[in-house]
Amino acid sequence: MTMELDITLIIILVLTGFGAGMIDAIAGGGGLITLPVLLATGMSPVEALATNKLQGSFGTFAASVYFVRRKLVDLSQMKLMIACTFVGAVVGTLLVQQLDASVLSAVMPILLVLIALYFMFSKRIGDEDRDRKVGNAIFAFAFTFAIGFYDGFFGPGTGTFFAVAFVSLLGFSMARATAHTKILNFTSNIASLIFFAMGGNIIWLAGFIMAAGQLVGGQLGARLVVSKGVSLVRPLIVVVTLVMSAKLLSDQFL
């Protein structure tokens, strides 16, 4: 597809990237903002999904760099998680080309509502770390692989699933969970992006224009996570998961 970009569309793409990057860094769900805009430009669904992975990678990268610099993340302790997430996303991306993802689209709204309820009422969510339930190896092989696979296969709510896993299983504070989530979200984005690029589905110019906004929005969102902590992240995750659930239901029935 060849896009004709005027100044109005460029401004819309940059502002969309900025807003999505900020929301995604805090609570996930930035695709709710970016995908409709990309589709509105005339892209096919596959082109929109592929271009979304490109621009979204810049936002998760910007947030990841900020969290690493603030020492909320130690990459040396995440090597296995990163590897398992990458492999899981690759497997999911390859498999979705062979199978029907409609079953997941039916189940996801229910899971997202349950996640919203968890963030509303769980006593484990706070600004302090708590006791962990599993070791890093089990967490990586069982959970980061599975969530990475899900991101490659379907996608909506991936960041929220990572955050729930870090809080409930490793006992992370909300800020640390969000920081580690961005590292793994960036990993799964890159894994999927590689295969979308190989298939020639990315609209590169639109993706890079939107990425300019993502870089700024992702870093700003990360700063807010560090400064506001659970008081900001918790309600935003509840709102985003409920909106994602409503969006998925409307896509099925309306």
C-alpha atoms as a PDB file:
ATOM      1  CA  MET A   1       0.000   0.000   0.000  1.00  0.00           C
ATOM      2  CA  THR A   2       1.221   3.511  -0.888  1.00  0.00           C
ATOM      3  CA  MET A   3       0.038   6.211   1.520  1.00  0.00           C
ATOM      4  CA  GLU A   4      -0.396   9.872   0.702  1.00  0.00           C
ATOM      5  CA  LEU A   5       0.580  11.810   3.811  1.00  0.00           C
ATOM      6  CA  ASP A   6      -0.536  15.408   4.246  1.00  0.00           C
ATOM      7  CA  ILE A   7       0.281  17.578   7.243  1.00  0.00           C
ATOM      8  CA  THR A   8      -3.063  16.811   8.926  1.00  0.00           C
ATOM      9  CA  LEU A   9      -2.526  13.051   8.782  1.00  0.00           C
ATOM     10  CA  ILE A  10       1.060  13.411   9.998  1.00  0.00           C
ATOM     11  CA  ILE A  11      -0.109  15.419  13.030  1.00  0.00           C
ATOM     12  CA  ILE A  12      -2.845  12.842  13.763  1.00  0.00           C
ATOM     13  CA  LEU A  13      -0.345   9.967  13.587  1.00  0.00           C
ATOM     14  CA  VAL A  14       2.168  11.716  15.866  1.00  0.00           C
ATOM     15  CA  LEU A  15      -0.467  12.677  18.456  1.00  0.00           C
ATOM     16  CA  THR A  16      -1.974   9.191  18.341  1.00  0.00           C
ATOM     17  CA  GLY A  17       1.452   7.675  18.933  1.00  0.00           C
ATOM     18  CA  PHE A  18       2.068  10.055  21.830  1.00  0.00           C
ATOM     19  CA  GLY A  19      -1.225   9.264  23.591  1.00  0.00           C
ATOM     20  CA  ALA A  20      -0.931   5.533  23.012  1.00  0.00           C
ATOM     21  CA  GLY A  21       2.698   5.474  24.168  1.00  0.00           C
ATOM     22  CA  MET A  22       1.850   7.228  27.427  1.00  0.00           C
ATOM     23  CA  ILE A  23      -1.169   5.004  28.193  1.00  0.00           C
ATOM     24  CA  ASP A  24       0.706   1.856  27.186  1.00  0.00           C
ATOM     25  CA  ALA A  25       3.658   2.657  29.460  1.00  0.00           C
ATOM     26  CA  ILE A  26       1.320   3.072  32.422  1.00  0.00           C
ATOM     27  CA  ALA A  27      -1.357   0.434  31.958  1.00  0.00           C
ATOM     28  CA  GLY A  28      -1.025  -1.247  28.554  1.00  0.00           C
ATOM     29  CA  GLY A  29      -3.752  -1.224  25.933  1.00  0.00           C
ATOM     30  CA  GLY A  30      -2.251   1.408  23.629  1.00  0.00           C
ATOM     31  CA  GLY A  31      -3.404  -0.628  20.653  1.00  0.00           C
ATOM     32  CA  LEU A  32      -6.963   0.416  21.454  1.00  0.00           C
ATOM     33  CA  ILE A  33      -5.944   3.911  20.371  1.00  0.00           C
ATOM     34  CA  THR A  34      -3.575   3.157  17.497  1.00  0.00           C
ATOM     35  CA  LEU A  35      -5.291   0.336  15.606  1.00  0.00           C
ATOM     36  CA  PRO A  36      -8.527   2.223  14.795  1.00  0.00           C
ATOM     37  CA  VAL A  37      -6.483   5.186  13.545  1.00  0.00           C
ATOM     38  CA  LEU A  38      -4.279   2.964  11.364  1.00  0.00           C
ATOM     39  CA  LEU A  39      -7.328   1.208   9.941  1.00  0.00           C
ATOM     40  CA  ALA A  40      -8.942   4.589   9.245  1.00  0.00           C
ATOM     41  CA  THR A  41      -6.003   5.473   6.971  1.00  0.00           C
ATOM     42  CA  GLY A  42      -7.102   2.703   4.592  1.00  0.00           C
ATOM     43  CA  MET A  43      -4.682   0.008   5.677  1.00  0.00           C
ATOM     44  CA  SER A  44      -5.793  -3.611   5.573  1.00  0.00           C
ATOM     45  CA  PRO A  45      -6.145  -5.324   8.980  1.00  0.00           C
ATOM     46  CA  VAL A  46      -2.846  -7.181   8.487  1.00  0.00           C
ATOM     47  CA  GLU A  47      -1.033  -3.976   7.491  1.00  0.00           C
ATOM     48  CA  ALA A  48      -2.523  -2.154  10.493  1.00  0.00           C
ATOM     49  CA  LEU A  49      -1.446  -4.919  12.896  1.00  0.00           C
ATOM     50  CA  ALA A  50       2.052  -5.035  11.409  1.00  0.00           C
ATOM     51  CA  THR A  51       2.490  -1.244  11.416  1.00  0.00           C
ATOM     52  CA  ASN A  52       1.132  -1.141  14.965  1.00  0.00           C
ATOM     53  CA  LYS A  53       3.904  -3.530  16.073  1.00  0.00           C
ATOM     54  CA  LEU A  54       6.478  -1.223  14.481  1.00  0.00           C
ATOM     55  CA  GLN A  55       5.311   1.991  16.131  1.00  0.00           C
ATOM     56  CA  GLY A  56       4.500   0.262  19.430  1.00  0.00           C
ATOM     57  CA  SER A  57       8.039  -1.105  19.660  1.00  0.00           C
ATOM     58  CA  PHE A  58       9.359   2.447  19.939  1.00  0.00           C
ATOM     59  CA  GLY A  59       7.048   3.268  22.849  1.00  0.00           C
ATOM     60  CA  THR A  60       7.915   0.124  24.805  1.00  0.00           C
ATOM     61  CA  PHE A  61      11.602   0.746  24.048  1.00  0.00           C
ATOM     62  CA  ALA A  62      11.451   4.314  25.382  1.00  0.00           C
ATOM     63  CA  ALA A  63       9.687   3.186  28.559  1.00  0.00           C
ATOM     64  CA  SER A  64      12.096   0.263  28.989  1.00  0.00           C
ATOM     65  CA  VAL A  65      15.168   2.502  28.738  1.00  0.00           C
ATOM     66  CA  TYR A  66      13.747   4.871  31.354  1.00  0.00           C
ATOM     67  CA  PHE A  67      12.959   2.034  33.782  1.00  0.00           C
ATOM     68  CA  VAL A  68      16.419   0.497  33.334  1.00  0.00           C
ATOM     69  CA  ARG A  69      18.092   3.850  33.998  1.00  0.00           C
ATOM     70  CA  ARG A  70      16.012   4.281  37.154  1.00  0.00           C
ATOM     71  CA  LYS A  71      17.215   0.818  38.257  1.00  0.00           C
ATOM     72  CA  LEU A  72      13.703  -0.619  38.515  1.00  0.00           C
ATOM     73  CA  VAL A  73      14.892  -3.362  36.148  1.00  0.00           C
ATOM     74  CA  ASP A  74      18.061  -5.477  36.215  1.00  0.00           C
ATOM     75  CA  LEU A  75      18.385  -6.927  32.706  1.00  0.00           C
ATOM     76  CA  SER A  76      20.967  -9.487  33.822  1.00  0.00           C
ATOM     77  CA  GLN A  77      18.274 -11.143  35.956  1.00  0.00           C
ATOM     78  CA  MET A  78      15.757 -11.114  33.106  1.00  0.00           C
ATOM     79  CA  LYS A  79      17.719 -12.987  30.432  1.00  0.00           C
ATOM     80  CA  LEU A  80      15.698 -16.190  30.743  1.00  0.00           C
ATOM     81  CA  MET A  81      12.383 -14.295  30.854  1.00  0.00           C
ATOM     82  CA  ILE A  82      13.353 -12.319  27.749  1.00  0.00           C
ATOM     83  CA  ALA A  83      14.404 -15.467  25.873  1.00  0.00           C
ATOM     84  CA  CYS A  84      11.221 -17.358  26.778  1.00  0.00           C
ATOM     85  CA  THR A  85       9.031 -14.385  25.856  1.00  0.00           C
ATOM     86  CA  PHE A  86      10.768 -14.040  22.486  1.00  0.00           C
ATOM     87  CA  VAL A  87      10.418 -17.734  21.637  1.00  0.00           C
ATOM     88  CA  GLY A  88       6.788 -17.761  22.781  1.00  0.00           C
ATOM     89  CA  ALA A  89       5.948 -14.742  20.609  1.00  0.00           C
ATOM     90  CA  VAL A  90       7.629 -16.305  17.582  1.00  0.00           C
ATOM     91  CA  VAL A  91       5.679 -19.550  18.034  1.00  0.00           C
ATOM     92  CA  GLY A  92       2.435 -17.626  18.466  1.00  0.00           C
ATOM     93  CA  THR A  93       3.083 -15.477  15.383  1.00  0.00           C
ATOM     94  CA  LEU A  94       3.777 -18.545  13.264  1.00  0.00           C
ATOM     95  CA  LEU A  95       0.814 -20.503  14.613  1.00  0.00           C
ATOM     96  CA  VAL A  96      -1.762 -17.733  14.147  1.00  0.00           C
ATOM     97  CA  GLN A  97      -1.110 -17.937  10.417  1.00  0.00           C
ATOM     98  CA  GLN A  98      -2.344 -21.532  10.492  1.00  0.00           C
ATOM     99  CA  LEU A  99      -5.146 -21.470  13.056  1.00  0.00           C
ATOM    100  CA  ASP A 100      -8.305 -19.490  13.826  1.00  0.00           C
ATOM    101  CA  ALA A 101      -7.936 -17.038  16.736  1.00  0.00           C
ATOM    102  CA  SER A 102     -11.711 -16.513  17.076  1.00  0.00           C
ATOM    103  CA  VAL A 103     -11.920 -18.756  20.155  1.00  0.00           C
ATOM    104  CA  LEU A 104      -9.554 -16.421  22.015  1.00  0.00           C
ATOM    105  CA  SER A 105     -11.581 -13.397  20.955  1.00  0.00           C
ATOM    106  CA  ALA A 106     -14.606 -14.978  22.647  1.00  0.00           C
ATOM    107  CA  VAL A 107     -12.780 -15.845  25.874  1.00  0.00           C
ATOM    108  CA  MET A 108     -10.719 -12.670  26.268  1.00  0.00           C
ATOM    109  CA  PRO A 109     -13.481 -10.284  27.454  1.00  0.00           C
ATOM    110  CA  ILE A 110     -14.188 -12.592  30.407  1.00  0.00           C
ATOM    111  CA  LEU A 111     -10.501 -12.823  31.330  1.00  0.00           C
ATOM    112  CA  LEU A 112     -10.070  -9.055  31.107  1.00  0.00           C
ATOM    113  CA  VAL A 113     -13.037  -8.428  33.413  1.00  0.00           C
ATOM    114  CA  LEU A 114     -11.538 -10.877  35.911  1.00  0.00           C
ATOM    115  CA  ILE A 115      -8.225  -9.020  35.712  1.00  0.00           C
ATOM    116  CA  ALA A 116      -9.995  -5.712  36.336  1.00  0.00           C
ATOM    117  CA  LEU A 117     -11.642  -7.196  39.433  1.00  0.00           C
ATOM    118  CA  TYR A 118      -8.257  -8.499  40.607  1.00  0.00           C
ATOM    119  CA  PHE A 119      -6.690  -5.044  40.358  1.00  0.00           C
ATOM    120  CA  MET A 120      -9.678  -3.474  42.094  1.00  0.00           C
ATOM    121  CA  PHE A 121      -9.737  -5.764  45.113  1.00  0.00           C
ATOM    122  CA  SER A 122      -6.416  -7.605  45.513  1.00  0.00           C
ATOM    123  CA  LYS A 123      -4.437  -6.745  48.638  1.00  0.00           C
ATOM    124  CA  ARG A 124      -1.195  -7.866  46.960  1.00  0.00           C
ATOM    125  CA  ILE A 125      -1.085  -4.766  44.777  1.00  0.00           C
ATOM    126  CA  GLY A 126       0.834  -1.908  46.324  1.00  0.00           C
ATOM    127  CA  ASP A 127       3.990   0.178  46.259  1.00  0.00           C
ATOM    128  CA  GLU A 128       6.043  -2.412  48.193  1.00  0.00           C
ATOM    129  CA  ASP A 129       7.341  -5.828  47.143  1.00  0.00           C
ATOM    130  CA  ARG A 130       5.775  -8.921  48.732  1.00  0.00           C
ATOM    131  CA  ASP A 131       6.714 -12.591  49.061  1.00  0.00           C
ATOM    132  CA  ARG A 132       7.055 -14.436  45.769  1.00  0.00           C
ATOM    133  CA  LYS A 133       5.113 -17.587  44.901  1.00  0.00           C
ATOM    134  CA  VAL A 134       7.441 -19.131  42.267  1.00  0.00           C
ATOM    135  CA  GLY A 135      11.087 -19.004  41.232  1.00  0.00           C
ATOM    136  CA  ASN A 136      12.427 -17.128  38.216  1.00  0.00           C
ATOM    137  CA  ALA A 137      12.958 -20.266  36.110  1.00  0.00           C
ATOM    138  CA  ILE A 138       9.398 -21.543  36.548  1.00  0.00           C
ATOM    139  CA  PHE A 139       8.062 -18.037  35.971  1.00  0.00           C
ATOM    140  CA  ALA A 140      10.040 -17.711  32.726  1.00  0.00           C
ATOM    141  CA  PHE A 141       9.330 -21.138  31.215  1.00  0.00           C
ATOM    142  CA  ALA A 142       5.680 -21.379  32.260  1.00  0.00           C
ATOM    143  CA  PHE A 143       4.384 -17.829  32.306  1.00  0.00           C
ATOM    144  CA  THR A 144       6.500 -15.483  30.185  1.00  0.00           C
ATOM    145  CA  PHE A 145       6.578 -18.074  27.387  1.00  0.00           C
ATOM    146  CA  ALA A 146       2.778 -18.432  27.548  1.00  0.00           C
ATOM    147  CA  ILE A 147       2.127 -14.668  27.579  1.00  0.00           C
ATOM    148  CA  GLY A 148       4.662 -14.110  24.794  1.00  0.00           C
ATOM    149  CA  PHE A 149       2.878 -16.818  22.790  1.00  0.00           C
ATOM    150  CA  TYR A 150      -0.429 -15.077  23.423  1.00  0.00           C
ATOM    151  CA  ASP A 151       0.954 -11.747  22.208  1.00  0.00           C
ATOM    152  CA  GLY A 152       2.172 -13.314  18.978  1.00  0.00           C
ATOM    153  CA  PHE A 153      -1.080 -15.228  18.489  1.00  0.00           C
ATOM    154  CA  PHE A 154      -3.686 -12.649  19.513  1.00  0.00           C
ATOM    155  CA  GLY A 155      -2.415  -9.680  21.514  1.00  0.00           C
ATOM    156  CA  PRO A 156      -4.984  -7.537  23.401  1.00  0.00           C
ATOM    157  CA  GLY A 157      -4.161  -7.215  27.101  1.00  0.00           C
ATOM    158  CA  THR A 158      -0.624  -8.643  26.897  1.00  0.00           C
ATOM    159  CA  GLY A 159       0.880  -5.940  29.108  1.00  0.00           C
ATOM    160  CA  THR A 160      -1.863  -6.440  31.673  1.00  0.00           C
ATOM    161  CA  PHE A 161      -1.230 -10.187  31.796  1.00  0.00           C
ATOM    162  CA  PHE A 162       2.481  -9.591  32.380  1.00  0.00           C
ATOM    163  CA  ALA A 163       1.705  -7.094  35.161  1.00  0.00           C
ATOM    164  CA  VAL A 164      -0.695  -9.518  36.899  1.00  0.00           C
ATOM    165  CA  ALA A 165       1.912 -12.280  36.724  1.00  0.00           C
ATOM    166  CA  PHE A 166       4.668 -10.118  38.220  1.00  0.00           C
ATOM    167  CA  VAL A 167       2.432  -8.882  41.041  1.00  0.00           C
ATOM    168  CA  SER A 168       0.673 -12.136  41.928  1.00  0.00           C
ATOM    169  CA  LEU A 169       3.514 -14.628  41.373  1.00  0.00           C
ATOM    170  CA  LEU A 170       6.753 -12.713  41.995  1.00  0.00           C
ATOM    171  CA  GLY A 171       5.305 -10.278  44.557  1.00  0.00           C
ATOM    172  CA  PHE A 172       6.525  -7.174  42.732  1.00  0.00           C
ATOM    173  CA  SER A 173       5.323  -3.688  43.614  1.00  0.00           C
ATOM    174  CA  MET A 174       3.135  -2.064  40.978  1.00  0.00           C
ATOM    175  CA  ALA A 175       5.971   0.150  39.718  1.00  0.00           C
ATOM    176  CA  ARG A 176       8.435  -2.756  39.426  1.00  0.00           C
ATOM    177  CA  ALA A 177       5.808  -4.946  37.771  1.00  0.00           C
ATOM    178  CA  THR A 178       5.078  -2.246  35.190  1.00  0.00           C
ATOM    179  CA  ALA A 179       8.790  -1.723  34.543  1.00  0.00           C
ATOM    180  CA  HIS A 180       9.460  -5.430  33.964  1.00  0.00           C
ATOM    181  CA  THR A 181       6.303  -5.698  31.876  1.00  0.00           C
ATOM    182  CA  LYS A 182       7.630  -3.090  29.424  1.00  0.00           C
ATOM    183  CA  ILE A 183      10.862  -5.068  28.889  1.00  0.00           C
ATOM    184  CA  LEU A 184       8.939  -8.223  28.014  1.00  0.00           C
ATOM    185  CA  ASN A 185       6.330  -6.331  25.995  1.00  0.00           C
ATOM    186  CA  PHE A 186       9.144  -4.813  23.932  1.00  0.00           C
ATOM    187  CA  THR A 187      10.595  -8.301  23.460  1.00  0.00           C
ATOM    188  CA  SER A 188       7.347  -9.794  22.177  1.00  0.00           C
ATOM    189  CA  ASN A 189       6.759  -6.757  19.932  1.00  0.00           C
ATOM    190  CA  ILE A 190      10.174  -7.198  18.299  1.00  0.00           C
ATOM    191  CA  ALA A 191       9.645 -10.932  17.810  1.00  0.00           C
ATOM    192  CA  SER A 192       6.333 -10.364  16.010  1.00  0.00           C
ATOM    193  CA  LEU A 193       7.729  -7.358  14.108  1.00  0.00           C
ATOM    194  CA  ILE A 194      10.489  -9.485  12.551  1.00  0.00           C
ATOM    195  CA  PHE A 195       7.978 -11.884  11.016  1.00  0.00           C
ATOM    196  CA  PHE A 196       5.614  -9.130   9.893  1.00  0.00           C
ATOM    197  CA  ALA A 197       8.581  -7.461   8.171  1.00  0.00           C
ATOM    198  CA  MET A 198       9.517 -10.719   6.468  1.00  0.00           C
ATOM    199  CA  GLY A 199       5.958 -10.899   5.123  1.00  0.00           C
ATOM    200  CA  GLY A 200       6.176  -7.345   3.719  1.00  0.00           C
ATOM    201  CA  ASN A 201       3.096  -6.166   5.643  1.00  0.00           C
ATOM    202  CA  ILE A 202       4.491  -3.046   7.359  1.00  0.00           C
ATOM    203  CA  ILE A 203       3.704   0.472   6.134  1.00  0.00           C
ATOM    204  CA  TRP A 204       7.070   1.827   7.201  1.00  0.00           C
ATOM    205  CA  LEU A 205       6.584   5.574   6.723  1.00  0.00           C
ATOM    206  CA  ALA A 206       3.348   5.716   8.747  1.00  0.00           C
ATOM    207  CA  GLY A 207       4.904   3.515  11.438  1.00  0.00           C
ATOM    208  CA  PHE A 208       7.970   5.714  11.827  1.00  0.00           C
ATOM    209  CA  ILE A 209       5.892   8.916  11.939  1.00  0.00           C
ATOM    210  CA  MET A 210       3.717   7.469  14.693  1.00  0.00           C
ATOM    211  CA  ALA A 211       6.862   6.189  16.439  1.00  0.00           C
ATOM    212  CA  ALA A 212       8.031   9.781  16.968  1.00  0.00           C
ATOM    213  CA  GLY A 213       5.032  10.349  19.232  1.00  0.00           C
ATOM    214  CA  GLN A 214       5.498   6.950  20.865  1.00  0.00           C
ATOM    215  CA  LEU A 215       9.055   7.746  21.932  1.00  0.00           C
ATOM    216  CA  VAL A 216       7.931  10.858  23.819  1.00  0.00           C
ATOM    217  CA  GLY A 217       4.707   9.365  25.183  1.00  0.00           C
ATOM    218  CA  GLY A 218       6.389   6.163  26.335  1.00  0.00           C
ATOM    219  CA  GLN A 219       9.015   8.037  28.328  1.00  0.00           C
ATOM    220  CA  LEU A 220       6.445  10.409  29.857  1.00  0.00           C
ATOM    221  CA  GLY A 221       4.238   7.484  30.879  1.00  0.00           C
ATOM    222  CA  ALA A 222       7.211   5.741  32.472  1.00  0.00           C
ATOM    223  CA  ARG A 223       8.027   8.874  34.481  1.00  0.00           C
ATOM    224  CA  LEU A 224       4.443   8.986  35.772  1.00  0.00           C
ATOM    225  CA  VAL A 225       4.654   5.339  36.860  1.00  0.00           C
ATOM    226  CA  VAL A 226       7.741   6.099  38.937  1.00  0.00           C
ATOM    227  CA  SER A 227       6.366   9.319  40.446  1.00  0.00           C
ATOM    228  CA  LYS A 228       2.755   8.234  41.077  1.00  0.00           C
ATOM    229  CA  GLY A 229       3.064   4.472  41.594  1.00  0.00           C
ATOM    230  CA  VAL A 230       0.030   2.359  42.409  1.00  0.00           C
ATOM    231  CA  SER A 231      -2.269   5.380  42.840  1.00  0.00           C
ATOM    232  CA  LEU A 232      -2.032   5.986  39.087  1.00  0.00           C
ATOM    233  CA  VAL A 233      -1.368   2.539  37.617  1.00  0.00           C
ATOM    234  CA  ARG A 234      -4.040   0.570  39.452  1.00  0.00           C
ATOM    235  CA  PRO A 235      -7.114   2.603  38.369  1.00  0.00           C
ATOM    236  CA  LEU A 236      -5.796   3.009  34.827  1.00  0.00           C
ATOM    237  CA  ILE A 237      -5.327  -0.745  34.420  1.00  0.00           C
ATOM    238  CA  VAL A 238      -8.894  -1.312  35.640  1.00  0.00           C
ATOM    239  CA  VAL A 239     -10.254   1.228  33.148  1.00  0.00           C
ATOM    240  CA  VAL A 240      -8.138  -0.049  30.235  1.00  0.00           C
ATOM    241  CA  THR A 241      -9.022  -3.713  30.808  1.00  0.00           C
ATOM    242  CA  LEU A 242     -12.743  -2.924  30.981  1.00  0.00           C
ATOM    243  CA  VAL A 243     -12.527  -0.818  27.815  1.00  0.00           C
ATOM    244  CA  MET A 244     -10.624  -3.599  26.031  1.00  0.00           C
ATOM    245  CA  SER A 245     -13.278  -6.094  27.119  1.00  0.00           C
ATOM    246  CA  ALA A 246     -16.073  -3.859  25.827  1.00  0.00           C
ATOM    247  CA  LYS A 247     -14.224  -3.341  22.538  1.00  0.00           C
ATOM    248  CA  LEU A 248     -13.767  -7.073  21.987  1.00  0.00           C
ATOM    249  CA  LEU A 249     -17.435  -7.748  22.772  1.00  0.00           C
ATOM    250  CA  SER A 250     -18.601  -5.012  20.410  1.00  0.00           C
ATOM    251  CA  ASP A 251     -16.417  -6.413  17.635  1.00  0.00           C
ATOM    252  CA  GLN A 252     -18.113  -9.798  18.064  1.00  0.00           C
ATOM    253  CA  PHE A 253     -21.743  -8.812  18.432  1.00  0.00           C
ATOM    254  CA  LEU A 254     -22.261  -5.371  16.859  1.00  0.00           C
END
